[in-house]
């Protein structure tokens, strides 16, 4: 069995430099959540942390357009 990656002709692999979390869409989502709902807080307990994280996640899920805009990379569409 071959373990080579077969890339369809309509997909372009864009190499990213190592150790660049600002280019990672998942990291950008977490940064947005921290800035919008989780920063500058003092949590009373572990359950308080969980409650705030669940609220942040549910608030983000209610905004799919926001997730799409955070994940968009203009530079990636230039290839």
PDB file of N, CA and C in Angstrom:
ATOM      1  N   UNK A   1       0.842  -1.185   0.000  1.00  0.00           N
ATOM      2  CA  UNK A   1       0.000   0.000   0.000  1.00  0.00           C
ATOM      3  C   UNK A   1       0.890   1.252   0.000  1.00  0.00           C
ATOM      4  N   UNK A   2       0.583   2.186  -0.875  1.00  0.00           N
ATOM      5  CA  UNK A   2       1.339   3.423  -0.986  1.00  0.00           C
ATOM      6  C   UNK A   2       0.892   4.414   0.086  1.00  0.00           C
ATOM      7  N   UNK A   3       1.839   5.138   0.644  1.00  0.00           N
ATOM      8  CA  UNK A   3       1.526   6.134   1.657  1.00  0.00           C
ATOM      9  C   UNK A   3       1.807   7.540   1.142  1.00  0.00           C
ATOM     10  N   UNK A   4       1.725   7.732  -0.149  1.00  0.00           N
ATOM     11  CA  UNK A   4       1.958   9.037  -0.741  1.00  0.00           C
ATOM     12  C   UNK A   4       0.658   9.822  -0.789  1.00  0.00           C
ATOM     13  N   UNK A   5       0.771  11.096  -0.580  1.00  0.00           N
ATOM     14  CA  UNK A   5      -0.380  11.982  -0.649  1.00  0.00           C
ATOM     15  C   UNK A   5      -0.711  12.264  -2.112  1.00  0.00           C
ATOM     16  N   UNK A   6      -1.954  12.024  -2.472  1.00  0.00           N
ATOM     17  CA  UNK A   6      -2.409  12.323  -3.829  1.00  0.00           C
ATOM     18  C   UNK A   6      -3.235  13.607  -3.749  1.00  0.00           C
ATOM     19  N   UNK A   7      -2.720  14.650  -4.348  1.00  0.00           N
ATOM     20  CA  UNK A   7      -3.371  15.958  -4.308  1.00  0.00           C
ATOM     21  C   UNK A   7      -4.163  16.146  -5.587  1.00  0.00           C
ATOM     22  N   UNK A   8      -5.468  16.384  -5.466  1.00  0.00           N
ATOM     23  CA  UNK A   8      -6.270  16.644  -6.667  1.00  0.00           C
ATOM     24  C   UNK A   8      -5.751  17.876  -7.402  1.00  0.00           C
ATOM     25  N   UNK A   9      -5.953  17.942  -8.708  1.00  0.00           N
ATOM     26  CA  UNK A   9      -5.401  19.056  -9.488  1.00  0.00           C
ATOM     27  C   UNK A   9      -6.006  20.421  -9.140  1.00  0.00           C
ATOM     28  N   UNK A  10      -7.182  20.443  -8.510  1.00  0.00           N
ATOM     29  CA  UNK A  10      -7.802  21.725  -8.177  1.00  0.00           C
ATOM     30  C   UNK A  10      -7.443  22.205  -6.764  1.00  0.00           C
ATOM     31  N   UNK A  11      -6.490  21.537  -6.109  1.00  0.00           N
ATOM     32  CA  UNK A  11      -6.051  21.930  -4.768  1.00  0.00           C
ATOM     33  C   UNK A  11      -4.562  22.246  -4.825  1.00  0.00           C
ATOM     34  N   UNK A  12      -4.187  23.371  -4.227  1.00  0.00           N
ATOM     35  CA  UNK A  12      -2.788  23.774  -4.180  1.00  0.00           C
ATOM     36  C   UNK A  12      -2.316  23.693  -2.730  1.00  0.00           C
ATOM     37  N   UNK A  13      -1.252  22.976  -2.495  1.00  0.00           N
ATOM     38  CA  UNK A  13      -0.659  22.888  -1.169  1.00  0.00           C
ATOM     39  C   UNK A  13       0.175  24.145  -0.946  1.00  0.00           C
ATOM     40  N   UNK A  14      -0.117  24.883   0.114  1.00  0.00           N
ATOM     41  CA  UNK A  14       0.621  26.095   0.432  1.00  0.00           C
ATOM     42  C   UNK A  14       1.483  25.803   1.659  1.00  0.00           C
ATOM     43  N   UNK A  15       2.791  25.728   1.499  1.00  0.00           N
ATOM     44  CA  UNK A  15       3.637  25.457   2.659  1.00  0.00           C
ATOM     45  C   UNK A  15       3.653  26.653   3.607  1.00  0.00           C
ATOM     46  N   UNK A  16       3.494  26.366   4.878  1.00  0.00           N
ATOM     47  CA  UNK A  16       3.529  27.415   5.898  1.00  0.00           C
ATOM     48  C   UNK A  16       4.832  27.317   6.668  1.00  0.00           C
ATOM     49  N   UNK A  17       5.381  28.451   7.066  1.00  0.00           N
ATOM     50  CA  UNK A  17       6.610  28.400   7.850  1.00  0.00           C
ATOM     51  C   UNK A  17       6.340  27.794   9.234  1.00  0.00           C
ATOM     52  N   UNK A  18       7.323  27.104   9.803  1.00  0.00           N
ATOM     53  CA  UNK A  18       7.117  26.511  11.118  1.00  0.00           C
ATOM     54  C   UNK A  18       7.000  27.585  12.201  1.00  0.00           C
ATOM     55  N   UNK A  19       6.354  27.224  13.251  1.00  0.00           N
ATOM     56  CA  UNK A  19       6.226  28.074  14.447  1.00  0.00           C
ATOM     57  C   UNK A  19       5.594  29.420  14.131  1.00  0.00           C
ATOM     58  N   UNK A  20       4.511  29.422  13.366  1.00  0.00           N
ATOM     59  CA  UNK A  20       3.787  30.658  13.022  1.00  0.00           C
ATOM     60  C   UNK A  20       2.320  30.493  13.380  1.00  0.00           C
ATOM     61  N   UNK A  21       1.975  30.552  14.666  1.00  0.00           N
ATOM     62  CA  UNK A  21       0.576  30.344  15.051  1.00  0.00           C
ATOM     63  C   UNK A  21      -0.375  31.367  14.450  1.00  0.00           C
ATOM     64  N   UNK A  22       0.138  32.540  14.074  1.00  0.00           N
ATOM     65  CA  UNK A  22      -0.742  33.551  13.488  1.00  0.00           C
ATOM     66  C   UNK A  22      -1.278  33.114  12.131  1.00  0.00           C
ATOM     67  N   UNK A  23      -0.646  32.109  11.514  1.00  0.00           N
ATOM     68  CA  UNK A  23      -1.118  31.592  10.239  1.00  0.00           C
ATOM     69  C   UNK A  23      -2.048  30.395  10.398  1.00  0.00           C
ATOM     70  N   UNK A  24      -2.234  29.947  11.619  1.00  0.00           N
ATOM     71  CA  UNK A  24      -3.071  28.793  11.907  1.00  0.00           C
ATOM     72  C   UNK A  24      -4.484  29.279  12.216  1.00  0.00           C
ATOM     73  N   UNK A  25      -5.436  28.926  11.384  1.00  0.00           N
ATOM     74  CA  UNK A  25      -6.819  29.408  11.568  1.00  0.00           C
ATOM     75  C   UNK A  25      -7.392  28.997  12.919  1.00  0.00           C
ATOM     76  N   UNK A  26      -7.043  27.813  13.406  1.00  0.00           N
ATOM     77  CA  UNK A  26      -7.540  27.374  14.715  1.00  0.00           C
ATOM     78  C   UNK A  26      -7.024  28.275  15.826  1.00  0.00           C
ATOM     79  N   UNK A  27      -5.768  28.664  15.738  1.00  0.00           N
ATOM     80  CA  UNK A  27      -5.205  29.573  16.745  1.00  0.00           C
ATOM     81  C   UNK A  27      -5.895  30.930  16.689  1.00  0.00           C
ATOM     82  N   UNK A  28      -6.243  31.366  15.482  1.00  0.00           N
ATOM     83  CA  UNK A  28      -6.944  32.649  15.340  1.00  0.00           C
ATOM     84  C   UNK A  28      -8.326  32.597  15.977  1.00  0.00           C
ATOM     85  N   UNK A  29      -8.997  31.456  15.859  1.00  0.00           N
ATOM     86  CA  UNK A  29     -10.319  31.289  16.491  1.00  0.00           C
ATOM     87  C   UNK A  29     -10.184  31.385  18.008  1.00  0.00           C
ATOM     88  N   UNK A  30      -9.207  30.673  18.572  1.00  0.00           N
ATOM     89  CA  UNK A  30      -9.003  30.725  20.026  1.00  0.00           C
ATOM     90  C   UNK A  30      -8.631  32.132  20.471  1.00  0.00           C
ATOM     91  N   UNK A  31      -7.814  32.816  19.706  1.00  0.00           N
ATOM     92  CA  UNK A  31      -7.450  34.186  20.052  1.00  0.00           C
ATOM     93  C   UNK A  31      -8.682  35.085  20.055  1.00  0.00           C
ATOM     94  N   UNK A  32      -9.546  34.937  19.062  1.00  0.00           N
ATOM     95  CA  UNK A  32     -10.770  35.729  19.010  1.00  0.00           C
ATOM     96  C   UNK A  32     -11.651  35.438  20.228  1.00  0.00           C
ATOM     97  N   UNK A  33     -11.775  34.163  20.593  1.00  0.00           N
ATOM     98  CA  UNK A  33     -12.596  33.798  21.752  1.00  0.00           C
ATOM     99  C   UNK A  33     -12.017  34.388  23.038  1.00  0.00           C
ATOM    100  N   UNK A  34     -10.700  34.314  23.181  1.00  0.00           N
ATOM    101  CA  UNK A  34     -10.074  34.884  24.380  1.00  0.00           C
ATOM    102  C   UNK A  34     -10.316  36.384  24.439  1.00  0.00           C
ATOM    103  N   UNK A  35     -10.100  37.066  23.334  1.00  0.00           N
ATOM    104  CA  UNK A  35     -10.263  38.518  23.316  1.00  0.00           C
ATOM    105  C   UNK A  35     -11.707  38.941  23.525  1.00  0.00           C
ATOM    106  N   UNK A  36     -12.641  38.162  23.000  1.00  0.00           N
ATOM    107  CA  UNK A  36     -14.055  38.564  23.030  1.00  0.00           C
ATOM    108  C   UNK A  36     -14.772  38.165  24.313  1.00  0.00           C
ATOM    109  N   UNK A  37     -14.465  37.001  24.836  1.00  0.00           N
ATOM    110  CA  UNK A  37     -15.272  36.503  25.949  1.00  0.00           C
ATOM    111  C   UNK A  37     -14.498  36.033  27.170  1.00  0.00           C
ATOM    112  N   UNK A  38     -13.216  35.764  27.031  1.00  0.00           N
ATOM    113  CA  UNK A  38     -12.519  35.089  28.129  1.00  0.00           C
ATOM    114  C   UNK A  38     -11.401  35.895  28.792  1.00  0.00           C
ATOM    115  N   UNK A  39     -11.007  37.015  28.222  1.00  0.00           N
ATOM    116  CA  UNK A  39      -9.883  37.756  28.797  1.00  0.00           C
ATOM    117  C   UNK A  39     -10.340  38.711  29.898  1.00  0.00           C
ATOM    118  N   UNK A  40      -9.373  39.149  30.673  1.00  0.00           N
ATOM    119  CA  UNK A  40      -9.595  40.116  31.755  1.00  0.00           C
ATOM    120  C   UNK A  40     -10.690  39.682  32.718  1.00  0.00           C
ATOM    121  N   UNK A  41     -10.639  38.435  33.119  1.00  0.00           N
ATOM    122  CA  UNK A  41     -11.610  37.887  34.053  1.00  0.00           C
ATOM    123  C   UNK A  41     -10.883  37.182  35.188  1.00  0.00           C
ATOM    124  N   UNK A  42     -11.520  37.173  36.308  1.00  0.00           N
ATOM    125  CA  UNK A  42     -11.069  36.370  37.432  1.00  0.00           C
ATOM    126  C   UNK A  42     -12.137  35.314  37.639  1.00  0.00           C
ATOM    127  N   UNK A  43     -11.746  34.074  37.491  1.00  0.00           N
ATOM    128  CA  UNK A  43     -12.696  32.979  37.618  1.00  0.00           C
ATOM    129  C   UNK A  43     -12.765  32.525  39.073  1.00  0.00           C
ATOM    130  N   UNK A  44     -13.972  32.238  39.507  1.00  0.00           N
ATOM    131  CA  UNK A  44     -14.189  31.852  40.907  1.00  0.00           C
ATOM    132  C   UNK A  44     -13.838  30.395  41.173  1.00  0.00           C
ATOM    133  N   UNK A  45     -13.997  29.573  40.168  1.00  0.00           N
ATOM    134  CA  UNK A  45     -13.782  28.139  40.355  1.00  0.00           C
ATOM    135  C   UNK A  45     -13.571  27.476  38.994  1.00  0.00           C
ATOM    136  N   UNK A  46     -13.259  26.213  39.049  1.00  0.00           N
ATOM    137  CA  UNK A  46     -13.106  25.433  37.823  1.00  0.00           C
ATOM    138  C   UNK A  46     -14.419  25.416  37.042  1.00  0.00           C
ATOM    139  N   UNK A  47     -15.530  25.241  37.734  1.00  0.00           N
ATOM    140  CA  UNK A  47     -16.838  25.237  37.065  1.00  0.00           C
ATOM    141  C   UNK A  47     -17.150  26.584  36.433  1.00  0.00           C
ATOM    142  N   UNK A  48     -16.687  27.654  37.044  1.00  0.00           N
ATOM    143  CA  UNK A  48     -16.870  28.987  36.470  1.00  0.00           C
ATOM    144  C   UNK A  48     -16.107  29.104  35.148  1.00  0.00           C
ATOM    145  N   UNK A  49     -14.890  28.548  35.118  1.00  0.00           N
ATOM    146  CA  UNK A  49     -14.107  28.528  33.879  1.00  0.00           C
ATOM    147  C   UNK A  49     -14.853  27.751  32.800  1.00  0.00           C
ATOM    148  N   UNK A  50     -15.348  26.575  33.165  1.00  0.00           N
ATOM    149  CA  UNK A  50     -16.097  25.762  32.197  1.00  0.00           C
ATOM    150  C   UNK A  50     -17.328  26.489  31.678  1.00  0.00           C
ATOM    151  N   UNK A  51     -18.061  27.139  32.569  1.00  0.00           N
ATOM    152  CA  UNK A  51     -19.262  27.876  32.165  1.00  0.00           C
ATOM    153  C   UNK A  51     -18.916  28.986  31.174  1.00  0.00           C
ATOM    154  N   UNK A  52     -17.856  29.734  31.465  1.00  0.00           N
ATOM    155  CA  UNK A  52     -17.462  30.823  30.571  1.00  0.00           C
ATOM    156  C   UNK A  52     -16.969  30.288  29.221  1.00  0.00           C
ATOM    157  N   UNK A  53     -16.216  29.196  29.256  1.00  0.00           N
ATOM    158  CA  UNK A  53     -15.730  28.606  27.998  1.00  0.00           C
ATOM    159  C   UNK A  53     -16.889  28.072  27.153  1.00  0.00           C
ATOM    160  N   UNK A  54     -17.855  27.442  27.793  1.00  0.00           N
ATOM    161  CA  UNK A  54     -19.031  26.945  27.060  1.00  0.00           C
ATOM    162  C   UNK A  54     -19.821  28.100  26.469  1.00  0.00           C
ATOM    163  N   UNK A  55     -19.972  29.169  27.242  1.00  0.00           N
ATOM    164  CA  UNK A  55     -20.686  30.344  26.734  1.00  0.00           C
ATOM    165  C   UNK A  55     -19.941  30.943  25.532  1.00  0.00           C
ATOM    166  N   UNK A  56     -18.611  31.042  25.645  1.00  0.00           N
ATOM    167  CA  UNK A  56     -17.810  31.590  24.538  1.00  0.00           C
ATOM    168  C   UNK A  56     -17.955  30.716  23.301  1.00  0.00           C
ATOM    169  N   UNK A  57     -17.845  29.407  23.481  1.00  0.00           N
ATOM    170  CA  UNK A  57     -17.954  28.491  22.336  1.00  0.00           C
ATOM    171  C   UNK A  57     -19.329  28.582  21.688  1.00  0.00           C
ATOM    172  N   UNK A  58     -20.383  28.558  22.503  1.00  0.00           N
ATOM    173  CA  UNK A  58     -21.744  28.625  21.961  1.00  0.00           C
ATOM    174  C   UNK A  58     -22.007  29.963  21.283  1.00  0.00           C
ATOM    175  N   UNK A  59     -21.440  31.030  21.814  1.00  0.00           N
ATOM    176  CA  UNK A  59     -21.596  32.341  21.177  1.00  0.00           C
ATOM    177  C   UNK A  59     -20.915  32.358  19.818  1.00  0.00           C
ATOM    178  N   UNK A  60     -19.756  31.746  19.737  1.00  0.00           N
ATOM    179  CA  UNK A  60     -19.050  31.694  18.464  1.00  0.00           C
ATOM    180  C   UNK A  60     -19.782  30.822  17.454  1.00  0.00           C
ATOM    181  N   UNK A  61     -20.288  29.685  17.889  1.00  0.00           N
ATOM    182  CA  UNK A  61     -21.001  28.771  16.986  1.00  0.00           C
ATOM    183  C   UNK A  61     -22.247  29.448  16.411  1.00  0.00           C
ATOM    184  N   UNK A  62     -22.837  30.361  17.166  1.00  0.00           N
ATOM    185  CA  UNK A  62     -24.009  31.095  16.682  1.00  0.00           C
ATOM    186  C   UNK A  62     -23.652  32.132  15.621  1.00  0.00           C
ATOM    187  N   UNK A  63     -22.359  32.300  15.331  1.00  0.00           N
ATOM    188  CA  UNK A  63     -21.899  33.288  14.355  1.00  0.00           C
ATOM    189  C   UNK A  63     -21.026  32.621  13.280  1.00  0.00           C
ATOM    190  N   UNK A  64     -21.603  31.769  12.444  1.00  0.00           N
ATOM    191  CA  UNK A  64     -20.771  31.068  11.448  1.00  0.00           C
ATOM    192  C   UNK A  64     -20.053  32.018  10.493  1.00  0.00           C
ATOM    193  N   UNK A  65     -20.628  33.164  10.201  1.00  0.00           N
ATOM    194  CA  UNK A  65     -19.965  34.132   9.327  1.00  0.00           C
ATOM    195  C   UNK A  65     -18.678  34.639   9.973  1.00  0.00           C
ATOM    196  N   UNK A  66     -18.665  34.725  11.297  1.00  0.00           N
ATOM    197  CA  UNK A  66     -17.465  35.181  12.011  1.00  0.00           C
ATOM    198  C   UNK A  66     -16.357  34.131  11.886  1.00  0.00           C
ATOM    199  N   UNK A  67     -16.729  32.874  12.044  1.00  0.00           N
ATOM    200  CA  UNK A  67     -15.750  31.795  11.914  1.00  0.00           C
ATOM    201  C   UNK A  67     -15.146  31.813  10.509  1.00  0.00           C
ATOM    202  N   UNK A  68     -15.997  31.996   9.509  1.00  0.00           N
ATOM    203  CA  UNK A  68     -15.512  32.036   8.127  1.00  0.00           C
ATOM    204  C   UNK A  68     -14.577  33.221   7.913  1.00  0.00           C
ATOM    205  N   UNK A  69     -14.911  34.382   8.467  1.00  0.00           N
ATOM    206  CA  UNK A  69     -14.067  35.556   8.246  1.00  0.00           C
ATOM    207  C   UNK A  69     -12.730  35.434   8.972  1.00  0.00           C
ATOM    208  N   UNK A  70     -12.717  34.807  10.136  1.00  0.00           N
ATOM    209  CA  UNK A  70     -11.464  34.615  10.861  1.00  0.00           C
ATOM    210  C   UNK A  70     -10.570  33.629  10.116  1.00  0.00           C
ATOM    211  N   UNK A  71     -11.174  32.612   9.526  1.00  0.00           N
ATOM    212  CA  UNK A  71     -10.408  31.577   8.832  1.00  0.00           C
ATOM    213  C   UNK A  71      -9.953  31.949   7.442  1.00  0.00           C
ATOM    214  N   UNK A  72     -10.500  33.010   6.880  1.00  0.00           N
ATOM    215  CA  UNK A  72     -10.116  33.406   5.518  1.00  0.00           C
ATOM    216  C   UNK A  72      -8.694  33.933   5.484  1.00  0.00           C
ATOM    217  N   UNK A  73      -7.991  33.573   4.477  1.00  0.00           N
ATOM    218  CA  UNK A  73      -6.632  34.048   4.290  1.00  0.00           C
ATOM    219  C   UNK A  73      -6.529  34.616   2.881  1.00  0.00           C
ATOM    220  N   UNK A  74      -6.526  35.930   2.764  1.00  0.00           N
ATOM    221  CA  UNK A  74      -6.439  36.563   1.449  1.00  0.00           C
ATOM    222  C   UNK A  74      -5.188  36.116   0.695  1.00  0.00           C
ATOM    223  N   UNK A  75      -4.070  35.996   1.393  1.00  0.00           N
ATOM    224  CA  UNK A  75      -2.825  35.623   0.737  1.00  0.00           C
ATOM    225  C   UNK A  75      -2.894  34.221   0.146  1.00  0.00           C
ATOM    226  N   UNK A  76      -3.706  33.349   0.728  1.00  0.00           N
ATOM    227  CA  UNK A  76      -3.791  31.975   0.235  1.00  0.00           C
ATOM    228  C   UNK A  76      -4.555  31.885  -1.085  1.00  0.00           C
ATOM    229  N   UNK A  77      -5.356  32.880  -1.370  1.00  0.00           N
ATOM    230  CA  UNK A  77      -6.142  32.868  -2.612  1.00  0.00           C
ATOM    231  C   UNK A  77      -5.371  33.467  -3.792  1.00  0.00           C
ATOM    232  N   UNK A  78      -4.157  33.921  -3.556  1.00  0.00           N
ATOM    233  CA  UNK A  78      -3.348  34.505  -4.624  1.00  0.00           C
ATOM    234  C   UNK A  78      -2.634  33.463  -5.457  1.00  0.00           C
ATOM    235  N   UNK A  79      -2.630  32.209  -5.026  1.00  0.00           N
ATOM    236  CA  UNK A  79      -1.879  31.161  -5.731  1.00  0.00           C
ATOM    237  C   UNK A  79      -2.666  30.613  -6.887  1.00  0.00           C
TER     238      UNK A  79
END
